Protein backbone atom coordinates (compact mmCIF):
# COMPACT_ATOMS: atom_id res chain seq x y z
CA UNK A 1 -15.50 -5.85 -14.53
CA UNK A 2 -11.95 -5.33 -12.84
CA UNK A 3 -8.97 -6.75 -14.27
CA UNK A 4 -6.43 -8.13 -11.42
CA UNK A 5 -2.80 -7.37 -11.84
CA UNK A 6 0.06 -8.88 -9.97
CA UNK A 7 1.84 -6.36 -7.95
CA UNK A 8 4.03 -8.53 -5.76
CA UNK A 9 4.70 -12.09 -4.40
CA UNK A 10 3.50 -12.92 -0.96
CA UNK A 11 7.12 -13.93 0.16
CA UNK A 12 8.30 -10.29 -1.13
CA UNK A 13 6.54 -8.48 1.87
CA UNK A 14 7.62 -9.47 5.38
CA UNK A 15 4.75 -9.44 8.01
CA UNK A 16 4.54 -5.96 9.32
CA UNK A 17 6.21 -4.30 6.40
CA UNK A 18 5.73 -2.71 3.12
CA UNK A 19 7.47 -2.66 -0.25
CA UNK A 20 7.27 -0.26 -3.42
CA UNK A 21 5.89 -2.26 -6.33
CA UNK A 22 5.66 -0.77 -10.05
CA UNK A 23 2.92 -1.85 -12.24
CA UNK A 24 2.23 -0.25 -15.85
CA UNK A 25 4.33 2.69 -14.79
CA UNK A 26 2.70 3.39 -11.40
CA UNK A 27 3.99 2.70 -7.78
CA UNK A 28 1.98 1.15 -5.23
CA UNK A 29 2.64 0.42 -1.73
CA UNK A 30 2.05 -3.15 -0.89
CA UNK A 31 1.78 -4.11 3.05
CA UNK A 32 1.62 -7.55 4.91
CA UNK A 33 -0.51 -7.15 8.05
CA UNK A 34 0.23 -10.64 9.35
CA UNK A 35 -0.72 -12.45 6.18
CA UNK A 36 -3.44 -10.16 4.92
CA UNK A 37 -2.31 -7.86 2.16
CA UNK A 38 -3.14 -4.29 1.59
CA UNK A 39 -2.36 -2.00 -1.47
CA UNK A 40 -2.56 1.76 -1.38
CA UNK A 41 -0.99 4.30 -3.86
CA UNK A 42 2.59 4.80 -2.96
CA UNK A 43 2.79 8.48 -3.25
CA UNK A 44 2.12 10.61 0.15
CA UNK A 45 -0.19 13.61 -0.41
CA UNK A 46 2.30 15.88 1.45
CA UNK A 47 5.45 15.88 -0.59
CA UNK A 48 5.30 12.77 -2.53
CA UNK A 49 7.17 10.46 -0.15
CA UNK A 50 7.26 6.73 -0.78
CA UNK A 51 4.76 5.21 1.63
CA UNK A 52 5.94 1.57 0.82
CA UNK A 53 8.96 2.62 2.56
CA UNK A 54 7.43 3.84 5.71
CA UNK A 55 7.46 2.21 9.20
CA UNK A 56 4.26 0.35 10.07
CA UNK A 57 2.49 0.39 13.47
CA UNK A 58 -0.38 -2.12 13.07
CA UNK A 59 -2.49 -0.90 10.03
CA UNK A 60 -0.91 2.61 10.08
CA UNK A 61 2.25 3.60 7.87
CA UNK A 62 4.13 6.69 8.51
CA UNK A 63 5.74 8.32 5.55
CA UNK A 64 9.55 8.48 5.84
CA UNK A 65 10.01 11.91 4.73
CA UNK A 66 7.90 13.99 6.76
CA UNK A 67 5.89 11.76 9.16
CA UNK A 68 2.37 12.01 7.61
CA UNK A 69 0.31 8.75 8.66
CA UNK A 70 -2.16 6.63 6.61
CA UNK A 71 -4.45 3.80 7.38
CA UNK A 72 -3.24 1.00 4.83
CA UNK A 73 -6.72 -0.68 4.86
CA UNK A 74 -8.79 2.52 3.78
CA UNK A 75 -6.24 4.99 2.32
CA UNK A 76 -7.50 7.45 4.87
CA UNK A 77 -4.82 10.22 6.08
CA UNK A 78 -4.50 10.36 9.99
CA UNK A 79 -2.62 13.57 9.55
CA UNK A 80 -5.21 15.47 7.49
CA UNK A 81 -8.35 13.57 7.74
CA UNK A 82 -9.97 15.21 4.85
CA UNK A 83 -7.40 13.49 2.46
CA UNK A 84 -7.06 9.83 1.41
CA UNK A 85 -4.63 8.06 -1.01
CA UNK A 86 -6.04 5.28 -3.34
CA UNK A 87 -6.79 2.06 -2.07
CA UNK A 88 -7.09 -1.08 -4.01
CA UNK A 89 -9.19 -4.40 -3.88
CA UNK A 90 -6.75 -7.22 -3.26
CA UNK A 91 -6.80 -10.89 -3.69
CA UNK A 92 -3.93 -13.36 -3.21
CA UNK A 93 -3.70 -16.29 -5.75
CA UNK A 94 -1.20 -18.99 -5.07
CA UNK A 95 1.97 -16.76 -4.15
CA UNK A 96 0.78 -13.60 -6.04
CA UNK A 97 -0.67 -10.71 -4.47
CA UNK A 98 -2.93 -9.07 -7.10
CA UNK A 99 -4.89 -5.56 -7.32
CA UNK A 100 -7.97 -4.70 -9.02
CA UNK A 101 -7.48 -2.21 -11.84
CA UNK A 102 -10.13 -0.73 -14.02
């Protein structure tokens, strides 16, 4: 059974944007797609850039360091389709965005 852990407040993430959140020493990228929240690993697979600081275009985030792109709903890398970052089950309770951790 998954344990849901708070990663951010709903008010912390503006619509169409992302933030970096740290939980238990690990960083996550939290995105607000017009009220639907998505969470992926924060680390770009290219050179470790902070995905939560990237620019959003729909459900795609572009790494601010070198421009690699990821689908925030699936974690799939659009730049190198054979790669994928971790993607987490999300639920919102009250004003909290929570992710499922094992």
